[in-house]
Each structure stands twice: as C-alpha cells, then as structure tokens.
Amino acid sequence: MLPWASASRKRRARKSTALLLLCPLLMGQAKPVLVPDVSQRDIEIAYSFTGAELLLFGAILYPSGRAPEAEAKPADIVVVVKGPTQSIQVREKEKVAGIWVNAERMRYRSAPSFYAIASSRPIEKIVDERTRAIYELGVDSLQLSPASGAAPEVQTRFDKGLEDLRARSGLYYEAPGAVEITDGVLYRARLAIPARVPIGKFTAETFLIRDGRVLAAAVRPIEIRKSGFERFVAYSADHYSVFYGIVAVALSILFGWGAGVIWKRF
C-alpha cells in the first residue's frame, strides 16, 4: 500500500470522527419548524356570499421532539392573512361654505387589499417596534408605498386615513388573543373574511416567536375567486373588454327601449 494513500484515509477518518462529535451540537442548535394549514385553500364568492370564517391551524415541530420545559419562556404564534396589493388613491375632504369637497389627495403604489392579524397575545407584548416593522406585524406597521414624496406629518395623516377606511369596511383588523396554543405544540385561530373582500391570491403567514425573536415562519396560499355568473362577468370584463363593453351598451339600450314601450302601454 502506498504511504500517501494510508495518510489520506487517516485524514478522512479524522474528519468523520469530528463530524460525529459535532452532530449533537448541530442538532441542539436546530430551530423549530412550523407545519401550518388552512381550512379552505379556495374561497368562492357567489351572489349570496355574506362572508366566511377561515380556520388556520398547525403544529410546532421541535428538534427534540417535544416542547421546551415548563420553566422556559412560552412561545407565541402570530398569523397574518394578507390580500393582493393594489394601487389606491386616498382623498381628504374639507368643508368649504358648508359643502364637503375633495381637498388634498395621495396615491399609494402598493397597499394590501386585505390585512388581518391574529396573535396569542397583543402584538406589542410579543415583539418590539423594529421587529413589527420588519415583518409587518400589525396594521400600524404596514409598509405602505406612497407615490409622491409628502411631508412626514402629511404622509402619517393619510396612512391613518387609509387604515381607518379599510378598518371600517372590515378589510383591516387585528385579533389579539385569537390564537389558541395547546400543550405548546398545536395551535389554531379563526379569522373572519368579510363579504366585501377582494378577489385574488392571498397568503396566510404564520410566525413562531419567543423572547421577541422570530424562530420560524411558514406561508400557505389562499385564493379567493368569483363563481357562477359573477365569475363569467368578471372573466369577460378582464379578457374580452371590447366585446363586454359592446354587450353592456346594447343591453342598456334594449332595456331602456323595453321600459319605454311598457311605460307607454300603461
């Protein structure tokens, strides 16, 4: 046997031994993993749609196979359901001579069309302001994108106005304490989907947080779409806009003419 071949085998053996010794340390440093799911991946909106309730549930898989000891600080779960972003213009009304008129306005390039957050405790007790801003945890931590460079106080005023408008429509809301955690491993939360929810691709993000740090995160997709005749109309308007416009005008003329004929007879 060649001497250098023997030396090479010895080096490989030493490396294998070192890896075996490090395995327990590497396993001890492994982070927990979230396994989330939702009760409905597809929500269909028909003419009779009055809203829905979404159940978000899952499990926390710890490296050791069990939850930390009771003396360890308990973990928190935060669930965020977010709708597709859209461009929106917010107008501020002003009373002039007793009449409300449009005054200043601000356009946002991308704002979530829907935002709901549920947490095991109030979010301000779970993470600090910086972490909330990084992960957009909370309505007041949304990273809105104004299209114009306004003064900070003006932008803040319009941000609050947009959040208030969406909150009154049920499109932005927070549900502190809505997440239930069982035995430190299983969790579930219920979030309401309002009747005025927009269609599109949504995301359900789940965060595992302990001691102010995000330990794990996972995302599940949700799609909300129209069904039945409403879906046919929406699809036609999006893909065959010219034909849709011609038919809409023709139907308006036809119904107007028919109403005039009936009115003359009676």
Protein backbone atom coordinates (compact mmCIF):
# COMPACT_ATOMS: atom_id res chain seq x y z
CA MET A 1 0.00 0.00 0.00
CA LEU A 2 1.29 3.44 -0.87
CA PRO A 3 2.18 5.60 2.14
CA TRP A 4 0.24 8.66 0.90
CA ALA A 5 -2.91 6.53 0.37
CA SER A 6 -2.80 5.46 4.02
CA ALA A 7 -2.33 9.07 5.17
CA SER A 8 -5.32 10.18 3.08
CA ARG A 9 -7.50 7.52 4.66
CA LYS A 10 -6.42 8.64 8.11
CA ARG A 11 -7.36 12.24 7.34
CA ARG A 12 -10.81 11.15 6.15
CA ALA A 13 -11.27 9.10 9.30
CA ARG A 14 -10.35 12.09 11.50
CA LYS A 15 -12.88 14.28 9.62
CA SER A 16 -15.63 11.67 10.04
CA THR A 17 -14.90 11.43 13.76
CA ALA A 18 -15.04 15.23 14.11
CA LEU A 19 -18.41 15.36 12.33
CA LEU A 20 -19.81 12.64 14.58
CA LEU A 21 -18.70 14.59 17.65
CA LEU A 22 -20.28 17.79 16.29
CA CYS A 23 -23.63 16.20 15.41
CA PRO A 24 -25.17 16.59 18.89
CA LEU A 25 -24.11 20.23 18.95
CA LEU A 26 -25.57 20.87 15.48
CA MET A 27 -28.83 19.16 16.43
CA GLY A 28 -29.01 21.24 19.58
CA GLN A 29 -28.73 24.41 17.51
CA ALA A 30 -31.55 23.36 15.11
CA LYS A 31 -34.59 25.59 15.15
CA PRO A 32 -38.22 24.50 15.47
CA VAL A 33 -40.31 24.11 12.31
CA LEU A 34 -43.89 25.21 11.68
CA VAL A 35 -46.35 22.95 9.89
CA PRO A 36 -49.36 25.19 9.15
CA ASP A 37 -52.55 24.67 7.16
CA VAL A 38 -55.86 26.41 6.47
CA SER A 39 -59.42 25.08 6.38
CA GLN A 40 -60.03 26.48 2.89
CA ARG A 41 -57.42 26.98 0.19
CA ASP A 42 -60.10 28.18 -2.27
CA ILE A 43 -62.96 30.51 -1.34
CA GLU A 44 -65.63 31.05 -3.99
CA ILE A 45 -67.77 34.19 -3.99
CA ALA A 46 -71.31 33.92 -5.36
CA TYR A 47 -74.15 36.46 -5.37
CA SER A 48 -75.29 35.18 -1.96
CA PHE A 49 -71.82 35.43 -0.36
CA THR A 50 -72.07 37.09 3.07
CA GLY A 51 -68.57 36.34 4.31
CA ALA A 52 -66.65 33.31 5.54
CA GLU A 53 -64.69 32.11 8.54
CA LEU A 54 -61.17 30.87 7.93
CA LEU A 55 -59.62 28.37 10.32
CA LEU A 56 -55.82 28.45 10.48
CA PHE A 57 -54.17 25.62 12.41
CA GLY A 58 -50.96 23.68 12.63
CA ALA A 59 -48.20 22.25 14.78
CA ILE A 60 -44.77 23.25 16.06
CA LEU A 61 -42.09 20.61 15.48
CA TYR A 62 -39.23 20.96 17.97
CA PRO A 63 -35.77 19.39 17.28
CA SER A 64 -36.00 17.33 20.46
CA GLY A 65 -39.45 16.04 19.53
CA ARG A 66 -41.18 17.75 22.44
CA ALA A 67 -41.98 21.24 23.67
CA PRO A 68 -39.45 23.04 25.91
CA GLU A 69 -39.71 22.54 29.65
CA ALA A 70 -42.34 24.46 31.58
CA GLU A 71 -39.77 26.84 33.08
CA ALA A 72 -38.73 28.03 29.61
CA LYS A 73 -40.40 31.13 28.28
CA PRO A 74 -43.51 30.09 26.30
CA ALA A 75 -43.62 30.72 22.58
CA ASP A 76 -46.19 32.89 20.81
CA ILE A 77 -47.91 32.34 17.48
CA VAL A 78 -48.85 35.17 15.11
CA VAL A 79 -50.92 34.56 11.97
CA VAL A 80 -51.22 37.15 9.19
CA VAL A 81 -53.64 36.85 6.25
CA LYS A 82 -52.79 39.32 3.52
CA GLY A 83 -54.55 40.07 0.23
CA PRO A 84 -53.00 41.13 -3.08
CA THR A 85 -51.51 44.62 -3.19
CA GLN A 86 -53.21 47.29 -5.27
CA SER A 87 -52.77 50.91 -6.23
CA ILE A 88 -55.17 53.22 -4.43
CA GLN A 89 -55.81 56.95 -4.15
CA VAL A 90 -56.94 58.47 -0.86
CA ARG A 91 -58.73 61.82 -0.89
CA GLU A 92 -59.15 64.10 2.06
CA LYS A 93 -62.42 66.01 2.28
CA GLU A 94 -62.71 69.58 3.51
CA LYS A 95 -65.77 71.64 4.40
CA VAL A 96 -65.99 74.81 2.30
CA ALA A 97 -69.01 77.12 2.69
CA GLY A 98 -70.96 74.29 4.30
CA ILE A 99 -70.19 71.82 1.49
CA TRP A 100 -67.79 68.88 1.72
CA VAL A 101 -65.35 68.94 -1.20
CA ASN A 102 -62.22 66.98 -2.10
CA ALA A 103 -59.06 68.70 -0.89
CA GLU A 104 -55.63 67.02 -0.71
CA ARG A 105 -55.05 63.54 -2.07
CA MET A 106 -52.32 60.90 -2.02
CA ARG A 107 -51.76 57.87 -4.23
CA TYR A 108 -50.25 54.64 -2.92
CA ARG A 109 -48.43 52.39 -5.39
CA SER A 110 -48.99 49.22 -3.36
CA ALA A 111 -51.24 48.72 -0.36
CA PRO A 112 -52.66 45.37 0.82
CA SER A 113 -56.26 44.99 -0.28
CA PHE A 114 -56.89 42.90 2.85
CA TYR A 115 -54.94 42.51 6.09
CA ALA A 116 -55.87 40.54 9.20
CA ILE A 117 -53.59 39.54 12.06
CA ALA A 118 -54.31 37.14 14.91
CA SER A 119 -51.93 36.53 17.81
CA SER A 120 -51.76 34.59 21.05
CA ARG A 121 -51.19 37.87 22.93
CA PRO A 122 -51.34 41.56 21.99
CA ILE A 123 -48.66 42.02 19.35
CA GLU A 124 -46.94 44.89 21.19
CA LYS A 125 -46.27 42.49 24.09
CA ILE A 126 -44.70 39.89 21.79
CA VAL A 127 -42.19 41.85 19.67
CA ASP A 128 -40.68 45.32 19.66
CA GLU A 129 -41.44 48.09 17.18
CA ARG A 130 -38.46 47.30 14.95
CA THR A 131 -39.42 43.63 14.54
CA ARG A 132 -43.03 44.60 13.87
CA ALA A 133 -41.87 46.89 11.08
CA ILE A 134 -39.59 44.23 9.52
CA TYR A 135 -42.30 41.55 9.37
CA GLU A 136 -45.26 43.96 9.05
CA LEU A 137 -46.90 42.65 12.20
CA GLY A 138 -49.83 44.94 12.90
CA VAL A 139 -51.91 47.41 10.90
CA ASP A 140 -49.79 50.33 12.09
CA SER A 141 -46.63 48.52 10.89
CA LEU A 142 -47.68 48.09 7.25
CA GLN A 143 -45.06 49.34 4.79
CA LEU A 144 -47.26 51.45 2.51
CA SER A 145 -45.70 52.91 -0.64
CA PRO A 146 -46.86 56.47 -1.38
CA ALA A 147 -46.29 57.57 -4.97
CA SER A 148 -45.32 61.12 -4.02
CA GLY A 149 -42.85 62.49 -1.51
CA ALA A 150 -45.04 64.28 1.04
CA ALA A 151 -44.03 65.72 4.39
CA PRO A 152 -43.84 63.07 7.16
CA GLU A 153 -46.80 64.53 9.06
CA VAL A 154 -48.94 64.60 5.89
CA GLN A 155 -48.00 61.02 4.99
CA THR A 156 -48.81 59.85 8.53
CA ARG A 157 -52.21 61.54 8.33
CA PHE A 158 -53.06 59.86 5.04
CA ASP A 159 -51.73 56.48 6.27
CA LYS A 160 -54.08 56.66 9.24
CA GLY A 161 -56.90 57.70 6.93
CA LEU A 162 -56.33 54.70 4.64
CA GLU A 163 -56.13 52.31 7.59
CA ASP A 164 -59.35 53.77 9.05
CA LEU A 165 -61.23 53.42 5.75
CA ARG A 166 -60.17 49.80 5.35
CA ALA A 167 -60.89 49.04 9.03
CA ARG A 168 -64.45 50.38 8.75
CA SER A 169 -65.01 48.05 5.78
CA GLY A 170 -63.68 45.08 7.74
CA LEU A 171 -60.69 44.76 5.40
CA TYR A 172 -58.05 45.68 8.01
CA TYR A 173 -58.30 44.36 11.55
CA GLU A 174 -56.38 42.83 14.44
CA ALA A 175 -57.48 39.95 16.67
CA PRO A 176 -55.21 39.79 19.75
CA GLY A 177 -55.66 36.63 21.78
CA ALA A 178 -57.43 34.83 18.90
CA VAL A 179 -54.67 32.19 18.58
CA GLU A 180 -55.05 29.22 20.93
CA ILE A 181 -51.96 27.12 21.70
CA THR A 182 -52.46 23.61 23.12
CA ASP A 183 -49.66 21.89 25.05
CA GLY A 184 -47.15 24.28 23.48
CA VAL A 185 -47.33 22.33 20.21
CA LEU A 186 -50.72 22.66 18.49
CA TYR A 187 -52.30 26.00 17.59
CA ARG A 188 -55.40 27.30 15.86
CA ALA A 189 -57.04 30.63 15.06
CA ARG A 190 -60.22 31.80 13.35
CA LEU A 191 -60.32 34.87 11.13
CA ALA A 192 -63.37 36.43 9.50
CA ILE A 193 -63.42 37.07 5.75
CA PRO A 194 -65.89 39.93 5.07
CA ALA A 195 -68.40 39.99 2.23
CA ARG A 196 -66.55 42.91 0.61
CA VAL A 197 -63.25 41.02 0.36
CA PRO A 198 -61.49 41.49 -3.00
CA ILE A 199 -60.66 38.54 -5.21
CA GLY A 200 -57.13 37.36 -5.91
CA LYS A 201 -54.28 35.36 -4.42
CA PHE A 202 -53.90 35.70 -0.64
CA THR A 203 -51.21 34.45 1.74
CA ALA A 204 -51.51 33.08 5.26
CA GLU A 205 -48.21 33.65 7.10
CA THR A 206 -47.51 32.02 10.45
CA PHE A 207 -44.74 33.17 12.79
CA LEU A 208 -43.32 31.38 15.83
CA ILE A 209 -41.90 33.94 18.26
CA ARG A 210 -40.12 33.53 21.58
CA ASP A 211 -38.47 36.19 23.69
CA GLY A 212 -39.05 38.81 20.98
CA ARG A 213 -37.31 36.79 18.24
CA VAL A 214 -38.89 35.14 15.20
CA LEU A 215 -37.77 31.49 15.37
CA ALA A 216 -39.72 30.11 12.41
CA ALA A 217 -42.11 31.22 9.68
CA ALA A 218 -44.24 29.47 7.07
CA VAL A 219 -46.62 30.55 4.31
CA ARG A 220 -49.71 28.92 2.81
CA PRO A 221 -51.51 30.26 -0.30
CA ILE A 222 -55.23 31.05 -0.42
CA GLU A 223 -57.22 32.01 -3.49
CA ILE A 224 -60.49 33.93 -3.41
CA ARG A 225 -62.41 33.99 -6.67
CA LYS A 226 -65.88 34.59 -8.02
CA SER A 227 -68.10 31.69 -9.02
CA GLY A 228 -71.17 31.20 -11.18
CA PHE A 229 -72.49 34.09 -13.28
CA GLU A 230 -70.37 36.62 -11.35
CA ARG A 231 -67.22 34.74 -12.38
CA PHE A 232 -68.33 34.74 -16.03
CA VAL A 233 -68.96 38.52 -15.95
CA ALA A 234 -65.62 39.26 -14.23
CA TYR A 235 -63.71 36.99 -16.66
CA SER A 236 -65.40 38.60 -19.67
CA ALA A 237 -64.64 42.11 -18.44
CA ASP A 238 -60.95 41.23 -17.92
CA HIS A 239 -60.26 39.19 -21.05
CA TYR A 240 -62.79 40.49 -23.60
CA SER A 241 -63.17 44.11 -22.57
CA VAL A 242 -64.26 45.43 -26.02
CA PHE A 243 -66.89 42.73 -26.50
CA TYR A 244 -68.02 43.16 -22.87
CA GLY A 245 -68.45 46.92 -23.39
CA ILE A 246 -70.45 46.46 -26.61
CA VAL A 247 -72.77 43.93 -24.97
CA ALA A 248 -73.22 46.14 -21.89
CA VAL A 249 -74.19 49.15 -24.05
CA ALA A 250 -76.50 47.01 -26.20
CA LEU A 251 -78.26 45.61 -23.14
CA SER A 252 -78.65 49.11 -21.68
CA ILE A 253 -80.28 50.33 -24.92
CA LEU A 254 -82.51 47.24 -25.11
CA PHE A 255 -83.70 47.53 -21.51
CA GLY A 256 -84.26 51.28 -21.91
CA TRP A 257 -86.31 50.74 -25.05
CA GLY A 258 -88.31 47.95 -23.39
CA ALA A 259 -89.03 50.10 -20.33
CA GLY A 260 -90.24 52.92 -22.62
CA VAL A 261 -92.61 50.58 -24.50
CA ILE A 262 -94.06 49.21 -21.26
CA TRP A 263 -94.48 52.74 -19.85
CA LYS A 264 -96.41 53.88 -22.94
CA ARG A 265 -98.81 50.93 -22.73
CA PHE A 266 -99.66 51.59 -19.10
